[in-house]
Amino acid sequence: MFDCVASEFDIDPARTIMVGDRLDTDILMGNTCGLTTLLTLTGVTTLEEVKGHEESDCPARQSLVPDYYVDSIADLLPALED
């Protein structure tokens, strides 16, 4: 799906961030496509789940680890005001 969108709109993966609230869909897609990933903890995913994947030696579990996480997307508002 990302390849189709990126080719249509000339999106540079190095300048794109995938924001989502699910590890097994949003974050996995972002990591697979070489995007920076940001998990919001407003969905079904917990921080404990992220840490479990992060500590695992399993490559499949490691692919579910986001680059960043926030409690809510609203946490990014102060950064956007600068």
N, C-alpha and C. Protein backbone atom coordinates (compact mmCIF):
# COMPACT_ATOMS: atom_id res chain seq x y z
N MET A 1 0.83 -1.18 0.00
CA MET A 1 0.00 0.00 0.00
C MET A 1 0.88 1.25 0.00
N PHE A 2 1.93 1.23 0.84
CA PHE A 2 2.80 2.41 0.89
C PHE A 2 3.50 2.66 -0.44
N ASP A 3 3.96 1.61 -1.09
CA ASP A 3 4.64 1.77 -2.37
C ASP A 3 3.75 2.47 -3.39
N CYS A 4 2.49 2.11 -3.40
CA CYS A 4 1.53 2.72 -4.32
C CYS A 4 1.37 4.21 -4.01
N VAL A 5 1.18 4.55 -2.74
CA VAL A 5 1.00 5.95 -2.36
C VAL A 5 2.29 6.74 -2.62
N ALA A 6 3.44 6.16 -2.26
CA ALA A 6 4.71 6.85 -2.44
C ALA A 6 5.01 7.14 -3.90
N SER A 7 4.68 6.22 -4.77
CA SER A 7 4.93 6.46 -6.19
C SER A 7 3.97 7.49 -6.78
N GLU A 8 2.77 7.51 -6.31
CA GLU A 8 1.77 8.46 -6.80
C GLU A 8 2.07 9.89 -6.35
N PHE A 9 2.56 10.03 -5.12
CA PHE A 9 2.76 11.36 -4.55
C PHE A 9 4.22 11.72 -4.32
N ASP A 10 5.15 10.92 -4.85
CA ASP A 10 6.58 11.18 -4.74
C ASP A 10 6.99 11.42 -3.29
N ILE A 11 6.67 10.49 -2.42
CA ILE A 11 6.98 10.57 -1.00
C ILE A 11 8.35 9.98 -0.73
N ASP A 12 9.16 10.70 0.04
CA ASP A 12 10.48 10.24 0.43
C ASP A 12 10.37 9.54 1.78
N PRO A 13 10.60 8.22 1.85
CA PRO A 13 10.50 7.49 3.12
C PRO A 13 11.39 8.06 4.22
N ALA A 14 12.52 8.63 3.85
CA ALA A 14 13.43 9.19 4.85
C ALA A 14 12.86 10.44 5.51
N ARG A 15 11.85 11.03 4.89
CA ARG A 15 11.23 12.24 5.45
C ARG A 15 9.79 12.00 5.89
N THR A 16 9.45 10.74 6.09
CA THR A 16 8.06 10.38 6.40
C THR A 16 7.99 9.64 7.72
N ILE A 17 6.97 9.95 8.50
CA ILE A 17 6.76 9.26 9.78
C ILE A 17 5.40 8.59 9.76
N MET A 18 5.37 7.35 10.19
CA MET A 18 4.11 6.61 10.32
C MET A 18 3.65 6.74 11.76
N VAL A 19 2.48 7.31 11.94
CA VAL A 19 1.90 7.48 13.27
C VAL A 19 0.73 6.52 13.37
N GLY A 20 0.71 5.74 14.44
CA GLY A 20 -0.40 4.81 14.61
C GLY A 20 -0.51 4.33 16.04
N ASP A 21 -1.60 3.61 16.31
CA ASP A 21 -1.83 3.14 17.67
C ASP A 21 -1.83 1.61 17.79
N ARG A 22 -1.39 0.93 16.73
CA ARG A 22 -1.31 -0.54 16.77
C ARG A 22 0.05 -1.01 16.27
N LEU A 23 0.66 -1.89 17.03
CA LEU A 23 1.97 -2.41 16.65
C LEU A 23 1.88 -3.32 15.43
N ASP A 24 0.87 -4.19 15.39
CA ASP A 24 0.82 -5.23 14.37
C ASP A 24 0.30 -4.75 13.02
N THR A 25 -0.11 -3.51 12.93
CA THR A 25 -0.54 -2.96 11.64
C THR A 25 0.27 -1.70 11.32
N ASP A 26 0.03 -0.64 12.05
CA ASP A 26 0.64 0.66 11.76
C ASP A 26 2.17 0.64 11.88
N ILE A 27 2.66 0.20 13.01
CA ILE A 27 4.10 0.22 13.26
C ILE A 27 4.81 -0.80 12.38
N LEU A 28 4.23 -1.97 12.23
CA LEU A 28 4.83 -2.99 11.36
C LEU A 28 4.96 -2.46 9.93
N MET A 29 3.91 -1.83 9.42
CA MET A 29 3.97 -1.30 8.06
C MET A 29 5.05 -0.22 7.96
N GLY A 30 5.08 0.69 8.91
CA GLY A 30 6.08 1.74 8.88
C GLY A 30 7.50 1.20 8.91
N ASN A 31 7.75 0.25 9.80
CA ASN A 31 9.08 -0.34 9.89
C ASN A 31 9.44 -1.11 8.63
N THR A 32 8.50 -1.84 8.09
CA THR A 32 8.74 -2.62 6.87
C THR A 32 9.07 -1.71 5.68
N CYS A 33 8.47 -0.53 5.65
CA CYS A 33 8.67 0.40 4.54
C CYS A 33 9.82 1.37 4.76
N GLY A 34 10.54 1.22 5.86
CA GLY A 34 11.69 2.09 6.12
C GLY A 34 11.34 3.47 6.62
N LEU A 35 10.16 3.61 7.23
CA LEU A 35 9.73 4.89 7.76
C LEU A 35 10.10 5.00 9.24
N THR A 36 10.22 6.21 9.73
CA THR A 36 10.29 6.44 11.16
C THR A 36 8.90 6.15 11.70
N THR A 37 8.81 5.54 12.89
CA THR A 37 7.51 5.17 13.43
C THR A 37 7.27 5.83 14.79
N LEU A 38 6.02 6.22 15.00
CA LEU A 38 5.59 6.83 16.26
C LEU A 38 4.31 6.14 16.71
N LEU A 39 4.38 5.52 17.87
CA LEU A 39 3.21 4.84 18.44
C LEU A 39 2.52 5.77 19.42
N THR A 40 1.21 5.90 19.28
CA THR A 40 0.42 6.60 20.29
C THR A 40 -0.21 5.53 21.17
N LEU A 41 -0.12 5.73 22.46
CA LEU A 41 -0.64 4.73 23.41
C LEU A 41 -2.11 4.94 23.70
N THR A 42 -2.87 5.37 22.71
CA THR A 42 -4.30 5.61 22.87
C THR A 42 -5.13 4.45 22.33
N GLY A 43 -4.47 3.46 21.75
CA GLY A 43 -5.17 2.30 21.18
C GLY A 43 -5.06 1.10 22.10
N VAL A 44 -4.99 -0.06 21.49
CA VAL A 44 -4.95 -1.31 22.26
C VAL A 44 -3.57 -1.66 22.77
N THR A 45 -2.52 -1.02 22.25
CA THR A 45 -1.15 -1.35 22.61
C THR A 45 -0.75 -0.68 23.92
N THR A 46 -0.05 -1.45 24.76
CA THR A 46 0.45 -0.91 26.02
C THR A 46 1.96 -0.74 25.95
N LEU A 47 2.49 0.09 26.81
CA LEU A 47 3.93 0.29 26.87
C LEU A 47 4.63 -1.00 27.29
N GLU A 48 4.01 -1.79 28.14
CA GLU A 48 4.58 -3.07 28.55
C GLU A 48 4.74 -4.01 27.36
N GLU A 49 3.78 -3.99 26.45
CA GLU A 49 3.85 -4.81 25.25
C GLU A 49 5.03 -4.37 24.37
N VAL A 50 5.21 -3.07 24.23
CA VAL A 50 6.32 -2.53 23.45
C VAL A 50 7.65 -2.99 24.06
N LYS A 51 7.78 -2.85 25.36
CA LYS A 51 9.02 -3.23 26.04
C LYS A 51 9.30 -4.72 25.89
N GLY A 52 8.26 -5.54 25.91
CA GLY A 52 8.43 -6.97 25.71
C GLY A 52 9.00 -7.28 24.33
N HIS A 53 8.50 -6.62 23.32
CA HIS A 53 9.02 -6.80 21.96
C HIS A 53 10.46 -6.28 21.86
N GLU A 54 10.69 -5.16 22.50
CA GLU A 54 12.01 -4.52 22.45
C GLU A 54 13.09 -5.42 23.07
N GLU A 55 12.74 -6.12 24.12
CA GLU A 55 13.69 -6.98 24.83
C GLU A 55 13.85 -8.35 24.19
N SER A 56 13.01 -8.69 23.25
CA SER A 56 13.04 -9.99 22.60
C SER A 56 14.19 -10.10 21.60
N ASP A 57 14.70 -11.32 21.43
CA ASP A 57 15.70 -11.59 20.40
C ASP A 57 15.06 -12.01 19.08
N CYS A 58 13.74 -12.12 19.05
CA CYS A 58 13.01 -12.58 17.87
C CYS A 58 12.88 -11.45 16.85
N PRO A 59 13.39 -11.64 15.64
CA PRO A 59 13.29 -10.58 14.61
C PRO A 59 11.84 -10.15 14.32
N ALA A 60 10.91 -11.09 14.35
CA ALA A 60 9.51 -10.74 14.08
C ALA A 60 8.98 -9.81 15.16
N ARG A 61 9.36 -10.04 16.39
CA ARG A 61 8.91 -9.16 17.48
C ARG A 61 9.63 -7.82 17.42
N GLN A 62 10.90 -7.83 17.04
CA GLN A 62 11.66 -6.59 16.92
C GLN A 62 11.07 -5.68 15.85
N SER A 63 10.46 -6.27 14.82
CA SER A 63 9.87 -5.46 13.75
C SER A 63 8.62 -4.71 14.21
N LEU A 64 8.16 -4.99 15.41
CA LEU A 64 6.99 -4.31 15.97
C LEU A 64 7.35 -3.16 16.90
N VAL A 65 8.64 -2.90 17.07
CA VAL A 65 9.08 -1.86 18.00
C VAL A 65 9.11 -0.50 17.29
N PRO A 66 8.38 0.48 17.83
CA PRO A 66 8.38 1.81 17.21
C PRO A 66 9.67 2.57 17.54
N ASP A 67 9.98 3.56 16.73
CA ASP A 67 11.12 4.43 17.02
C ASP A 67 10.82 5.34 18.21
N TYR A 68 9.59 5.79 18.29
CA TYR A 68 9.15 6.71 19.35
C TYR A 68 7.75 6.32 19.80
N TYR A 69 7.39 6.80 20.98
CA TYR A 69 6.01 6.63 21.43
C TYR A 69 5.61 7.83 22.28
N VAL A 70 4.32 8.10 22.29
CA VAL A 70 3.73 9.17 23.10
C VAL A 70 2.44 8.63 23.69
N ASP A 71 2.03 9.22 24.81
CA ASP A 71 0.77 8.80 25.41
C ASP A 71 -0.40 9.15 24.49
N SER A 72 -0.33 10.31 23.88
CA SER A 72 -1.41 10.79 23.02
C SER A 72 -0.81 11.64 21.91
N ILE A 73 -1.46 11.69 20.79
CA ILE A 73 -1.01 12.54 19.69
C ILE A 73 -0.99 14.00 20.12
N ALA A 74 -1.80 14.35 21.11
CA ALA A 74 -1.83 15.72 21.64
C ALA A 74 -0.49 16.09 22.26
N ASP A 75 0.31 15.11 22.67
CA ASP A 75 1.63 15.38 23.23
C ASP A 75 2.56 16.04 22.22
N LEU A 76 2.25 15.94 20.93
CA LEU A 76 3.09 16.54 19.90
C LEU A 76 2.77 18.01 19.64
N LEU A 77 1.65 18.49 20.13
CA LEU A 77 1.23 19.87 19.86
C LEU A 77 2.27 20.90 20.27
N PRO A 78 2.89 20.82 21.45
CA PRO A 78 3.90 21.83 21.80
C PRO A 78 5.06 21.86 20.80
N ALA A 79 5.46 20.75 20.27
CA ALA A 79 6.56 20.72 19.30
C ALA A 79 6.16 21.41 18.00
N LEU A 80 4.90 21.33 17.65
CA LEU A 80 4.43 21.95 16.41
C LEU A 80 4.31 23.47 16.53
N GLU A 81 4.25 23.97 17.74
CA GLU A 81 4.12 25.41 17.96
C GLU A 81 5.45 26.13 17.83
N ASP A 82 6.56 25.42 17.92
CA ASP A 82 7.90 26.05 17.85
C ASP A 82 8.23 26.50 16.45
